[in-house]
């Protein structure tokens, strides 16, 4: 959801090429078709490339980054549904942590000018596996940036935000279903404060960071 919206907004800035890297066949098909149609009204020469791949597949990511030599990588590939990640911690670490390490390391190796990690406020003093996996990803990025800061080349950045309305893994659709069926609404704690932003707002924040 965030990655798709970033692509929609980047499309409006007349890029030469947009590489869509996605491990879900259905999600990749949907966003490719949408962007291909949108580009006709902007600039039909924009090259939109759909690539089915996983960020945790190192040889595949190396092949893609070395071949295409992107200027900017927006890294929005994460498992972020808190209860599902809690039940599948190994897969979450492989994707969220190892996937970030692979992509960021390759960005440095091949001189990608900007690498932006999409993170979460749940990485602050994490209380669940999802938040902990994203904090680990952040720490890896900080370590890579520290080690490479004396070298000319890649700038590594990360952006945190809270609940994004309508995004994949958002609690809002669950609340809506619970309200529609007459309640009750399941909350983590009665005193909790939640902060929300829209998908376009979140995506603009990520692009601003680049």
N, C-alpha and C. Protein backbone atom coordinates (compact mmCIF):
# COMPACT_ATOMS: atom_id res chain seq x y z
N UNK A 1 0.83 -1.21 0.00
CA UNK A 1 0.00 0.00 0.00
C UNK A 1 0.86 1.26 0.00
N UNK A 2 1.89 1.32 0.87
CA UNK A 2 2.78 2.49 0.89
C UNK A 2 3.63 2.50 -0.39
N UNK A 3 4.20 1.35 -0.73
CA UNK A 3 5.03 1.27 -1.93
C UNK A 3 4.27 1.66 -3.19
N UNK A 4 3.02 1.21 -3.28
CA UNK A 4 2.19 1.54 -4.44
C UNK A 4 1.96 3.04 -4.54
N UNK A 5 1.65 3.68 -3.40
CA UNK A 5 1.39 5.12 -3.41
C UNK A 5 2.66 5.91 -3.70
N UNK A 6 3.80 5.45 -3.21
CA UNK A 6 5.07 6.11 -3.54
C UNK A 6 5.26 6.10 -5.06
N UNK A 7 4.97 4.95 -5.69
CA UNK A 7 5.11 4.85 -7.15
C UNK A 7 4.18 5.81 -7.87
N UNK A 8 2.93 5.92 -7.38
CA UNK A 8 1.98 6.86 -8.01
C UNK A 8 2.52 8.28 -7.95
N UNK A 9 3.08 8.66 -6.80
CA UNK A 9 3.56 10.04 -6.63
C UNK A 9 4.85 10.27 -7.41
N UNK A 10 5.73 9.28 -7.44
CA UNK A 10 6.97 9.41 -8.21
C UNK A 10 6.66 9.54 -9.70
N UNK A 11 5.62 8.85 -10.15
CA UNK A 11 5.21 8.91 -11.56
C UNK A 11 4.95 10.34 -12.00
N UNK A 12 4.43 11.16 -11.08
CA UNK A 12 4.14 12.56 -11.39
C UNK A 12 5.37 13.43 -11.54
N UNK A 13 6.55 12.88 -11.22
CA UNK A 13 7.80 13.63 -11.34
C UNK A 13 8.60 13.22 -12.58
N UNK A 14 7.93 12.55 -13.52
CA UNK A 14 8.54 12.16 -14.80
C UNK A 14 9.87 11.40 -14.65
N UNK A 15 9.86 10.28 -13.96
CA UNK A 15 11.08 9.48 -13.90
C UNK A 15 11.35 8.81 -15.24
N UNK A 16 12.59 8.41 -15.45
CA UNK A 16 12.91 7.68 -16.67
C UNK A 16 12.34 6.26 -16.58
N UNK A 17 12.53 5.64 -15.41
CA UNK A 17 12.11 4.25 -15.20
C UNK A 17 11.62 4.05 -13.76
N UNK A 18 10.58 3.28 -13.60
CA UNK A 18 10.15 2.82 -12.27
C UNK A 18 10.23 1.30 -12.26
N UNK A 19 11.03 0.78 -11.33
CA UNK A 19 11.11 -0.67 -11.14
C UNK A 19 10.20 -1.07 -9.99
N UNK A 20 9.23 -1.90 -10.26
CA UNK A 20 8.33 -2.40 -9.24
C UNK A 20 8.83 -3.79 -8.82
N UNK A 21 9.35 -3.90 -7.62
CA UNK A 21 9.83 -5.21 -7.14
C UNK A 21 8.87 -5.69 -6.05
N UNK A 22 8.25 -6.83 -6.30
CA UNK A 22 7.14 -7.31 -5.44
C UNK A 22 7.14 -8.83 -5.45
N UNK A 23 6.89 -9.44 -4.27
CA UNK A 23 6.86 -10.91 -4.25
C UNK A 23 5.44 -11.48 -4.34
N UNK A 24 4.44 -10.59 -4.38
CA UNK A 24 3.05 -11.04 -4.57
C UNK A 24 2.65 -10.83 -6.03
N UNK A 25 2.35 -11.91 -6.71
CA UNK A 25 1.98 -11.85 -8.12
C UNK A 25 0.77 -10.94 -8.33
N UNK A 26 -0.26 -11.11 -7.50
CA UNK A 26 -1.50 -10.34 -7.65
C UNK A 26 -1.25 -8.85 -7.41
N UNK A 27 -0.51 -8.52 -6.34
CA UNK A 27 -0.22 -7.12 -6.02
C UNK A 27 0.60 -6.47 -7.13
N UNK A 28 1.56 -7.21 -7.67
CA UNK A 28 2.40 -6.68 -8.74
C UNK A 28 1.58 -6.40 -10.00
N UNK A 29 0.71 -7.33 -10.34
CA UNK A 29 -0.15 -7.16 -11.52
C UNK A 29 -1.03 -5.91 -11.37
N UNK A 30 -1.63 -5.75 -10.19
CA UNK A 30 -2.54 -4.63 -9.95
C UNK A 30 -1.85 -3.28 -10.09
N UNK A 31 -0.69 -3.13 -9.43
CA UNK A 31 -0.03 -1.83 -9.46
C UNK A 31 0.59 -1.56 -10.83
N UNK A 32 1.09 -2.59 -11.50
CA UNK A 32 1.65 -2.38 -12.84
C UNK A 32 0.58 -1.88 -13.81
N UNK A 33 -0.59 -2.54 -13.79
CA UNK A 33 -1.68 -2.13 -14.68
C UNK A 33 -2.12 -0.69 -14.39
N UNK A 34 -2.20 -0.36 -13.11
CA UNK A 34 -2.64 0.99 -12.73
C UNK A 34 -1.63 2.04 -13.18
N UNK A 35 -0.35 1.79 -12.92
CA UNK A 35 0.68 2.77 -13.29
C UNK A 35 0.83 2.91 -14.80
N UNK A 36 0.70 1.79 -15.51
CA UNK A 36 0.80 1.83 -16.97
C UNK A 36 -0.30 2.72 -17.55
N UNK A 37 -1.49 2.63 -16.95
CA UNK A 37 -2.61 3.46 -17.42
C UNK A 37 -2.40 4.92 -17.04
N UNK A 38 -1.94 5.16 -15.80
CA UNK A 38 -1.70 6.54 -15.35
C UNK A 38 -0.62 7.22 -16.17
N UNK A 39 0.40 6.47 -16.57
CA UNK A 39 1.52 7.05 -17.30
C UNK A 39 1.11 7.57 -18.68
N UNK A 40 0.06 7.00 -19.24
CA UNK A 40 -0.41 7.45 -20.56
C UNK A 40 -0.87 8.91 -20.51
N UNK A 41 -1.39 9.32 -19.34
CA UNK A 41 -1.83 10.70 -19.20
C UNK A 41 -0.73 11.64 -18.76
N UNK A 42 0.46 11.10 -18.47
CA UNK A 42 1.59 11.93 -18.01
C UNK A 42 2.68 11.96 -19.07
N UNK A 43 3.27 10.80 -19.33
CA UNK A 43 4.34 10.70 -20.33
C UNK A 43 4.47 9.22 -20.71
N UNK A 44 4.08 8.90 -21.90
CA UNK A 44 4.07 7.50 -22.33
C UNK A 44 5.47 6.92 -22.47
N UNK A 45 6.51 7.76 -22.38
CA UNK A 45 7.88 7.25 -22.52
C UNK A 45 8.43 6.73 -21.20
N UNK A 46 7.72 6.94 -20.09
CA UNK A 46 8.17 6.43 -18.79
C UNK A 46 8.16 4.90 -18.84
N UNK A 47 9.29 4.32 -18.50
CA UNK A 47 9.44 2.86 -18.54
C UNK A 47 9.02 2.28 -17.19
N UNK A 48 7.95 1.49 -17.16
CA UNK A 48 7.49 0.86 -15.93
C UNK A 48 7.74 -0.64 -16.05
N UNK A 49 8.55 -1.15 -15.14
CA UNK A 49 9.01 -2.54 -15.22
C UNK A 49 8.51 -3.31 -14.00
N UNK A 50 7.82 -4.41 -14.25
CA UNK A 50 7.30 -5.23 -13.15
C UNK A 50 8.24 -6.42 -12.93
N UNK A 51 8.73 -6.57 -11.70
CA UNK A 51 9.70 -7.61 -11.38
C UNK A 51 9.21 -8.40 -10.17
N UNK A 52 9.05 -9.71 -10.36
CA UNK A 52 8.64 -10.57 -9.26
C UNK A 52 9.90 -11.08 -8.56
N UNK A 53 10.07 -10.66 -7.30
CA UNK A 53 11.27 -11.05 -6.55
C UNK A 53 11.05 -10.79 -5.08
N UNK A 54 11.86 -11.45 -4.26
CA UNK A 54 11.84 -11.23 -2.82
C UNK A 54 13.11 -10.51 -2.40
N UNK A 55 12.98 -9.54 -1.49
CA UNK A 55 14.15 -8.79 -1.02
C UNK A 55 15.10 -9.67 -0.22
N UNK A 56 14.65 -10.81 0.24
CA UNK A 56 15.52 -11.70 1.01
C UNK A 56 16.32 -12.67 0.12
N UNK A 57 16.11 -12.57 -1.20
CA UNK A 57 16.85 -13.39 -2.16
C UNK A 57 18.06 -12.57 -2.66
N UNK A 58 19.21 -12.80 -2.04
CA UNK A 58 20.37 -11.94 -2.27
C UNK A 58 20.86 -11.96 -3.72
N UNK A 59 20.99 -13.16 -4.31
CA UNK A 59 21.52 -13.21 -5.69
C UNK A 59 20.59 -12.51 -6.67
N UNK A 60 19.27 -12.61 -6.43
CA UNK A 60 18.29 -11.97 -7.32
C UNK A 60 18.36 -10.45 -7.18
N UNK A 61 18.45 -9.97 -5.93
CA UNK A 61 18.52 -8.52 -5.71
C UNK A 61 19.82 -7.96 -6.28
N UNK A 62 20.91 -8.73 -6.16
CA UNK A 62 22.19 -8.27 -6.72
C UNK A 62 22.09 -8.16 -8.23
N UNK A 63 21.47 -9.15 -8.84
CA UNK A 63 21.27 -9.14 -10.29
C UNK A 63 20.48 -7.90 -10.72
N UNK A 64 19.41 -7.60 -10.00
CA UNK A 64 18.53 -6.48 -10.37
C UNK A 64 19.22 -5.13 -10.17
N UNK A 65 19.85 -4.94 -9.01
CA UNK A 65 20.46 -3.64 -8.71
C UNK A 65 21.69 -3.40 -9.60
N UNK A 66 22.47 -4.45 -9.85
CA UNK A 66 23.65 -4.28 -10.70
C UNK A 66 23.27 -4.04 -12.16
N UNK A 67 22.16 -4.65 -12.59
CA UNK A 67 21.74 -4.51 -13.99
C UNK A 67 21.05 -3.16 -14.25
N UNK A 68 20.13 -2.78 -13.35
CA UNK A 68 19.32 -1.59 -13.59
C UNK A 68 19.97 -0.32 -13.07
N UNK A 69 20.86 -0.45 -12.07
CA UNK A 69 21.56 0.71 -11.48
C UNK A 69 20.58 1.85 -11.12
N UNK A 70 19.65 1.60 -10.21
CA UNK A 70 18.69 2.64 -9.84
C UNK A 70 19.37 3.81 -9.12
N UNK A 71 18.79 4.99 -9.25
CA UNK A 71 19.28 6.17 -8.53
C UNK A 71 18.77 6.19 -7.09
N UNK A 72 17.52 5.78 -6.91
CA UNK A 72 16.88 5.80 -5.59
C UNK A 72 16.18 4.47 -5.35
N UNK A 73 16.34 3.94 -4.14
CA UNK A 73 15.59 2.76 -3.72
C UNK A 73 14.69 3.14 -2.55
N UNK A 74 13.39 2.98 -2.73
CA UNK A 74 12.42 3.12 -1.63
C UNK A 74 12.14 1.70 -1.13
N UNK A 75 12.59 1.40 0.08
CA UNK A 75 12.48 0.04 0.61
C UNK A 75 11.23 -0.06 1.51
N UNK A 76 10.15 -0.54 0.91
CA UNK A 76 8.87 -0.64 1.62
C UNK A 76 8.41 -2.09 1.75
N UNK A 77 9.36 -3.02 1.57
CA UNK A 77 8.99 -4.45 1.58
C UNK A 77 9.08 -4.99 2.99
N UNK A 78 7.96 -5.03 3.70
CA UNK A 78 7.99 -5.54 5.08
C UNK A 78 6.69 -6.26 5.42
N UNK A 79 6.83 -7.28 6.25
CA UNK A 79 5.64 -7.86 6.89
C UNK A 79 5.34 -6.99 8.10
N UNK A 80 4.11 -6.47 8.18
CA UNK A 80 3.84 -5.50 9.25
C UNK A 80 2.52 -5.73 9.97
N UNK A 81 1.84 -6.85 9.68
CA UNK A 81 0.60 -7.15 10.39
C UNK A 81 0.98 -7.77 11.73
N UNK A 82 0.79 -7.01 12.83
CA UNK A 82 1.35 -7.37 14.14
C UNK A 82 1.00 -8.79 14.61
N UNK A 83 -0.28 -9.20 14.62
CA UNK A 83 -0.57 -10.55 15.09
C UNK A 83 0.02 -11.66 14.21
N UNK A 84 0.00 -11.46 12.88
CA UNK A 84 0.56 -12.46 11.97
C UNK A 84 2.07 -12.60 12.14
N UNK A 85 2.73 -11.46 12.29
CA UNK A 85 4.17 -11.48 12.49
C UNK A 85 4.51 -12.14 13.82
N UNK A 86 3.68 -11.90 14.83
CA UNK A 86 3.90 -12.52 16.14
C UNK A 86 3.86 -14.04 16.03
N UNK A 87 3.01 -14.54 15.13
CA UNK A 87 2.88 -15.99 14.92
C UNK A 87 3.94 -16.56 13.99
N UNK A 88 4.60 -15.69 13.24
CA UNK A 88 5.60 -16.13 12.24
C UNK A 88 6.89 -15.33 12.37
N UNK A 89 7.54 -15.39 13.52
CA UNK A 89 8.70 -14.52 13.76
C UNK A 89 9.88 -14.79 12.83
N UNK A 90 10.14 -16.06 12.52
CA UNK A 90 11.31 -16.38 11.67
C UNK A 90 11.18 -15.75 10.29
N UNK A 91 9.98 -15.84 9.70
CA UNK A 91 9.75 -15.27 8.37
C UNK A 91 9.84 -13.75 8.41
N UNK A 92 9.36 -13.17 9.52
CA UNK A 92 9.43 -11.71 9.67
C UNK A 92 10.87 -11.23 9.75
N UNK A 93 11.71 -11.96 10.50
CA UNK A 93 13.12 -11.58 10.61
C UNK A 93 13.81 -11.74 9.26
N UNK A 94 13.52 -12.83 8.55
CA UNK A 94 14.12 -13.05 7.23
C UNK A 94 13.78 -11.91 6.28
N UNK A 95 12.51 -11.53 6.23
CA UNK A 95 12.06 -10.50 5.30
C UNK A 95 12.43 -9.09 5.78
N UNK A 96 12.05 -8.75 7.00
CA UNK A 96 12.19 -7.38 7.49
C UNK A 96 13.63 -7.01 7.83
N UNK A 97 14.39 -7.96 8.37
CA UNK A 97 15.76 -7.67 8.80
C UNK A 97 16.77 -8.06 7.72
N UNK A 98 16.77 -9.35 7.36
CA UNK A 98 17.73 -9.81 6.36
C UNK A 98 17.49 -9.13 5.01
N UNK A 99 16.23 -8.95 4.64
CA UNK A 99 15.91 -8.27 3.38
C UNK A 99 16.45 -6.85 3.34
N UNK A 100 16.34 -6.14 4.47
CA UNK A 100 16.87 -4.77 4.55
C UNK A 100 18.39 -4.77 4.44
N UNK A 101 19.04 -5.69 5.15
CA UNK A 101 20.50 -5.77 5.11
C UNK A 101 20.99 -6.04 3.69
N UNK A 102 20.34 -6.97 3.01
CA UNK A 102 20.72 -7.31 1.63
C UNK A 102 20.59 -6.09 0.72
N UNK A 103 19.43 -5.45 0.75
CA UNK A 103 19.16 -4.34 -0.18
C UNK A 103 20.04 -3.13 0.11
N UNK A 104 20.21 -2.79 1.39
CA UNK A 104 21.02 -1.63 1.75
C UNK A 104 22.49 -1.87 1.43
N UNK A 105 22.98 -3.08 1.70
CA UNK A 105 24.38 -3.40 1.40
C UNK A 105 24.64 -3.32 -0.11
N UNK A 106 23.70 -3.83 -0.89
CA UNK A 106 23.85 -3.78 -2.34
C UNK A 106 23.75 -2.34 -2.86
N UNK A 107 22.92 -1.53 -2.21
CA UNK A 107 22.80 -0.11 -2.61
C UNK A 107 24.15 0.58 -2.46
N UNK A 108 24.84 0.29 -1.35
CA UNK A 108 26.16 0.87 -1.14
C UNK A 108 27.16 0.32 -2.16
N UNK A 109 27.13 -1.00 -2.35
CA UNK A 109 28.08 -1.65 -3.26
C UNK A 109 27.98 -1.10 -4.68
N UNK A 110 26.75 -0.82 -5.13
CA UNK A 110 26.57 -0.39 -6.52
C UNK A 110 26.30 1.12 -6.64
N UNK A 111 26.58 1.87 -5.58
CA UNK A 111 26.55 3.33 -5.65
C UNK A 111 25.18 3.94 -5.86
N UNK A 112 24.13 3.32 -5.33
CA UNK A 112 22.78 3.93 -5.38
C UNK A 112 22.82 5.19 -4.53
N UNK A 113 22.38 6.33 -5.09
CA UNK A 113 22.57 7.60 -4.39
C UNK A 113 21.73 7.73 -3.12
N UNK A 114 20.50 7.20 -3.15
CA UNK A 114 19.61 7.31 -1.99
C UNK A 114 18.95 5.97 -1.70
N UNK A 115 18.94 5.59 -0.43
CA UNK A 115 18.23 4.39 0.02
C UNK A 115 17.37 4.81 1.21
N UNK A 116 16.05 4.66 1.08
CA UNK A 116 15.12 5.09 2.12
C UNK A 116 14.35 3.89 2.65
N UNK A 117 14.50 3.64 3.94
CA UNK A 117 13.78 2.55 4.61
C UNK A 117 12.48 3.08 5.19
N UNK A 118 11.38 2.43 4.87
CA UNK A 118 10.08 2.76 5.47
C UNK A 118 9.97 1.99 6.78
N UNK A 119 9.96 2.72 7.90
CA UNK A 119 9.90 2.07 9.20
C UNK A 119 8.60 2.43 9.91
N UNK A 120 8.57 2.29 11.21
CA UNK A 120 7.33 2.42 11.97
C UNK A 120 7.60 2.96 13.37
N UNK A 121 6.59 3.63 13.96
CA UNK A 121 6.76 4.07 15.35
C UNK A 121 6.81 2.89 16.32
N UNK A 122 6.39 1.72 15.84
CA UNK A 122 6.45 0.52 16.70
C UNK A 122 7.89 0.04 16.92
N UNK A 123 8.84 0.65 16.19
CA UNK A 123 10.26 0.33 16.40
C UNK A 123 10.81 1.04 17.64
N UNK A 124 10.05 1.97 18.20
CA UNK A 124 10.48 2.69 19.40
C UNK A 124 10.17 1.82 20.62
N UNK A 125 11.21 1.41 21.35
CA UNK A 125 11.03 0.52 22.51
C UNK A 125 10.02 -0.58 22.17
N UNK A 126 10.32 -1.42 21.22
CA UNK A 126 9.32 -2.36 20.68
C UNK A 126 8.79 -3.33 21.73
N UNK A 127 7.49 -3.62 21.60
CA UNK A 127 6.83 -4.57 22.51
C UNK A 127 6.31 -5.78 21.75
N UNK A 128 6.60 -5.85 20.46
CA UNK A 128 6.17 -7.01 19.66
C UNK A 128 7.24 -7.33 18.62
N UNK A 129 7.09 -8.50 17.99
CA UNK A 129 8.08 -8.98 17.03
C UNK A 129 8.18 -8.04 15.82
N UNK A 130 7.04 -7.54 15.36
CA UNK A 130 7.06 -6.65 14.19
C UNK A 130 7.90 -5.42 14.49
N UNK A 131 7.63 -4.76 15.62
CA UNK A 131 8.39 -3.57 15.99
C UNK A 131 9.87 -3.87 16.19
N UNK A 132 10.16 -5.03 16.82
CA UNK A 132 11.55 -5.42 17.05
C UNK A 132 12.28 -5.68 15.74
N UNK A 133 11.59 -6.30 14.78
CA UNK A 133 12.22 -6.57 13.47
C UNK A 133 12.52 -5.27 12.74
N UNK A 134 11.64 -4.29 12.86
CA UNK A 134 11.86 -3.01 12.19
C UNK A 134 12.97 -2.22 12.89
N UNK A 135 13.05 -2.35 14.22
CA UNK A 135 14.14 -1.67 14.94
C UNK A 135 15.49 -2.28 14.56
N UNK A 136 15.52 -3.60 14.44
CA UNK A 136 16.75 -4.26 13.99
C UNK A 136 17.16 -3.78 12.59
N UNK A 137 16.16 -3.64 11.73
CA UNK A 137 16.44 -3.14 10.37
C UNK A 137 17.01 -1.73 10.43
N UNK A 138 16.45 -0.89 11.30
CA UNK A 138 16.97 0.48 11.47
C UNK A 138 18.41 0.46 11.96
N UNK A 139 18.69 -0.39 12.95
CA UNK A 139 20.04 -0.46 13.52
C UNK A 139 21.06 -0.91 12.48
N UNK A 140 20.66 -1.85 11.63
CA UNK A 140 21.53 -2.29 10.54
C UNK A 140 21.84 -1.13 9.60
N UNK A 141 20.79 -0.36 9.28
CA UNK A 141 20.97 0.78 8.38
C UNK A 141 21.89 1.82 9.01
N UNK A 142 21.71 2.08 10.30
CA UNK A 142 22.58 3.03 11.00
C UNK A 142 24.03 2.56 11.00
N UNK A 143 24.23 1.26 11.22
CA UNK A 143 25.59 0.71 11.22
C UNK A 143 26.23 0.82 9.84
N UNK A 144 25.46 0.51 8.81
CA UNK A 144 25.98 0.60 7.43
C UNK A 144 26.32 2.06 7.09
N UNK A 145 25.46 2.98 7.52
CA UNK A 145 25.69 4.40 7.24
C UNK A 145 26.94 4.89 7.96
N UNK A 146 27.12 4.44 9.20
CA UNK A 146 28.29 4.84 10.00
C UNK A 146 29.57 4.32 9.35
N UNK A 147 29.53 3.09 8.87
CA UNK A 147 30.72 2.48 8.28
C UNK A 147 31.09 3.08 6.92
N UNK A 148 30.06 3.62 6.24
CA UNK A 148 30.31 4.11 4.88
C UNK A 148 30.27 5.64 4.78
N UNK A 149 30.20 6.33 5.95
CA UNK A 149 30.00 7.79 5.89
C UNK A 149 31.22 8.54 5.34
N UNK A 150 32.40 7.91 5.44
CA UNK A 150 33.59 8.56 4.91
C UNK A 150 33.78 8.28 3.42
N UNK A 151 32.90 7.45 2.88
CA UNK A 151 32.99 7.15 1.46
C UNK A 151 32.01 8.04 0.70
N UNK A 152 32.34 8.40 -0.50
CA UNK A 152 31.43 9.17 -1.33
C UNK A 152 30.42 8.21 -1.93
N UNK A 153 29.16 8.55 -1.89
CA UNK A 153 28.19 7.63 -2.49
C UNK A 153 26.84 7.66 -1.84
N UNK A 154 26.40 6.52 -1.35
CA UNK A 154 25.01 6.34 -0.93
C UNK A 154 24.68 7.08 0.37
N UNK A 155 23.49 7.67 0.38
CA UNK A 155 22.93 8.25 1.60
C UNK A 155 21.78 7.35 2.04
N UNK A 156 21.88 6.81 3.25
CA UNK A 156 20.86 5.92 3.79
C UNK A 156 19.98 6.69 4.76
N UNK A 157 18.67 6.60 4.56
CA UNK A 157 17.72 7.32 5.42
C UNK A 157 16.60 6.37 5.85
N UNK A 158 15.89 6.75 6.90
CA UNK A 158 14.71 5.98 7.29
C UNK A 158 13.62 6.93 7.78
N UNK A 159 12.40 6.49 7.60
CA UNK A 159 11.24 7.29 7.98
C UNK A 159 10.32 6.43 8.85
N UNK A 160 9.93 6.99 9.99
CA UNK A 160 8.98 6.30 10.86
C UNK A 160 7.64 7.04 10.83
N UNK A 161 6.56 6.30 10.80
CA UNK A 161 5.26 6.91 11.06
C UNK A 161 4.37 5.91 11.76
N UNK A 162 3.22 6.40 12.23
CA UNK A 162 2.31 5.57 13.00
C UNK A 162 1.34 4.82 12.12
N UNK A 163 0.11 4.71 12.58
CA UNK A 163 -0.92 3.98 11.84
C UNK A 163 -1.29 4.73 10.56
N UNK A 164 -1.28 4.01 9.46
CA UNK A 164 -1.63 4.61 8.17
C UNK A 164 -3.01 4.11 7.77
N UNK A 165 -3.94 5.05 7.60
CA UNK A 165 -5.32 4.70 7.30
C UNK A 165 -5.43 3.91 6.00
N UNK A 166 -6.01 2.73 6.08
CA UNK A 166 -6.26 1.93 4.89
C UNK A 166 -5.07 1.17 4.35
N UNK A 167 -3.93 1.23 5.06
CA UNK A 167 -2.75 0.52 4.56
C UNK A 167 -2.81 -0.96 4.94
N UNK A 168 -1.99 -1.75 4.29
CA UNK A 168 -1.89 -3.17 4.59
C UNK A 168 -1.44 -3.33 6.05
N UNK A 169 -2.18 -4.13 6.81
CA UNK A 169 -1.84 -4.34 8.21
C UNK A 169 -2.44 -3.32 9.15
N UNK A 170 -3.16 -2.32 8.61
CA UNK A 170 -3.78 -1.29 9.46
C UNK A 170 -4.90 -1.88 10.31
N UNK A 171 -5.05 -1.32 11.51
CA UNK A 171 -6.09 -1.79 12.44
C UNK A 171 -7.46 -1.22 12.07
N UNK A 172 -7.48 -0.18 11.23
CA UNK A 172 -8.74 0.52 10.94
C UNK A 172 -9.81 -0.39 10.32
N UNK A 173 -9.48 -1.23 9.31
CA UNK A 173 -10.53 -2.11 8.77
C UNK A 173 -11.14 -3.04 9.83
N UNK A 174 -10.31 -3.50 10.77
CA UNK A 174 -10.83 -4.34 11.86
C UNK A 174 -11.80 -3.55 12.73
N UNK A 175 -11.43 -2.32 13.11
CA UNK A 175 -12.33 -1.49 13.90
C UNK A 175 -13.64 -1.25 13.17
N UNK A 176 -13.55 -0.98 11.85
CA UNK A 176 -14.75 -0.71 11.05
C UNK A 176 -15.70 -1.91 11.06
N UNK A 177 -15.13 -3.13 10.91
CA UNK A 177 -15.96 -4.34 10.94
C UNK A 177 -16.60 -4.53 12.32
N UNK A 178 -15.84 -4.25 13.37
CA UNK A 178 -16.35 -4.42 14.72
C UNK A 178 -17.48 -3.42 15.01
N UNK A 179 -17.34 -2.19 14.53
CA UNK A 179 -18.39 -1.17 14.71
C UNK A 179 -19.63 -1.56 13.92
N UNK A 180 -19.42 -2.04 12.67
CA UNK A 180 -20.55 -2.43 11.80
C UNK A 180 -21.36 -3.58 12.41
N UNK A 181 -20.67 -4.46 13.14
CA UNK A 181 -21.39 -5.59 13.74
C UNK A 181 -21.87 -5.30 15.16
N UNK A 182 -21.78 -4.05 15.56
CA UNK A 182 -22.31 -3.65 16.86
C UNK A 182 -21.33 -3.70 18.00
N UNK A 183 -20.07 -3.95 17.70
CA UNK A 183 -19.03 -3.94 18.73
C UNK A 183 -18.90 -5.26 19.45
N UNK A 184 -18.03 -5.35 20.45
CA UNK A 184 -17.16 -4.27 20.95
C UNK A 184 -15.92 -4.09 20.08
N UNK A 185 -15.23 -2.95 20.29
CA UNK A 185 -13.96 -2.70 19.61
C UNK A 185 -12.85 -3.22 20.51
N UNK A 186 -11.98 -4.03 19.94
CA UNK A 186 -10.87 -4.58 20.72
C UNK A 186 -9.69 -3.62 20.69
N UNK A 187 -9.32 -3.09 21.84
CA UNK A 187 -8.19 -2.17 21.94
C UNK A 187 -7.11 -2.80 22.82
N UNK A 188 -5.86 -2.41 22.54
CA UNK A 188 -4.75 -2.96 23.30
C UNK A 188 -4.83 -2.55 24.77
N UNK A 189 -5.20 -1.28 24.99
CA UNK A 189 -5.30 -0.74 26.34
C UNK A 189 -6.27 0.43 26.31
N UNK A 190 -7.16 0.56 27.31
CA UNK A 190 -8.16 1.64 27.26
C UNK A 190 -7.56 3.05 27.25
N UNK A 191 -6.32 3.22 27.72
CA UNK A 191 -5.70 4.54 27.78
C UNK A 191 -4.79 4.82 26.58
N UNK A 192 -4.75 3.88 25.64
CA UNK A 192 -3.82 4.05 24.51
C UNK A 192 -4.24 5.23 23.62
N UNK A 193 -3.26 5.93 23.08
CA UNK A 193 -3.49 6.99 22.09
C UNK A 193 -2.92 6.54 20.77
N UNK A 194 -3.74 6.58 19.73
CA UNK A 194 -3.27 6.17 18.40
C UNK A 194 -3.19 7.40 17.50
N UNK A 195 -2.15 7.44 16.67
CA UNK A 195 -1.97 8.53 15.72
C UNK A 195 -2.10 7.98 14.31
N UNK A 196 -2.86 8.67 13.48
CA UNK A 196 -3.13 8.20 12.12
C UNK A 196 -2.73 9.23 11.08
N UNK A 197 -2.32 8.73 9.93
CA UNK A 197 -2.14 9.58 8.76
C UNK A 197 -2.63 8.79 7.55
N UNK A 198 -2.84 9.50 6.44
CA UNK A 198 -3.33 8.83 5.23
C UNK A 198 -2.16 8.23 4.46
N UNK A 199 -2.47 7.33 3.53
CA UNK A 199 -1.44 6.72 2.69
C UNK A 199 -0.70 7.80 1.87
N UNK A 200 -1.41 8.75 1.22
CA UNK A 200 -0.69 9.79 0.47
C UNK A 200 0.22 10.63 1.37
N UNK A 201 -0.23 10.95 2.59
CA UNK A 201 0.61 11.72 3.52
C UNK A 201 1.88 10.94 3.87
N UNK A 202 1.71 9.67 4.19
CA UNK A 202 2.85 8.82 4.54
C UNK A 202 3.85 8.74 3.39
N UNK A 203 3.32 8.59 2.18
CA UNK A 203 4.17 8.44 1.00
C UNK A 203 4.93 9.74 0.69
N UNK A 204 4.24 10.89 0.87
CA UNK A 204 4.91 12.18 0.66
C UNK A 204 6.07 12.35 1.65
N UNK A 205 5.86 11.86 2.88
CA UNK A 205 6.91 11.94 3.90
C UNK A 205 8.14 11.12 3.48
N UNK A 206 7.89 9.94 2.93
CA UNK A 206 8.99 9.08 2.47
C UNK A 206 9.76 9.75 1.32
N UNK A 207 9.00 10.31 0.36
CA UNK A 207 9.64 10.97 -0.79
C UNK A 207 10.41 12.20 -0.34
N UNK A 208 9.86 12.93 0.63
CA UNK A 208 10.55 14.12 1.17
C UNK A 208 11.90 13.72 1.77
N UNK A 209 11.94 12.56 2.41
CA UNK A 209 13.18 12.09 3.03
C UNK A 209 14.27 11.80 2.00
N UNK A 210 13.87 11.60 0.75
CA UNK A 210 14.87 11.29 -0.30
C UNK A 210 15.46 12.57 -0.89
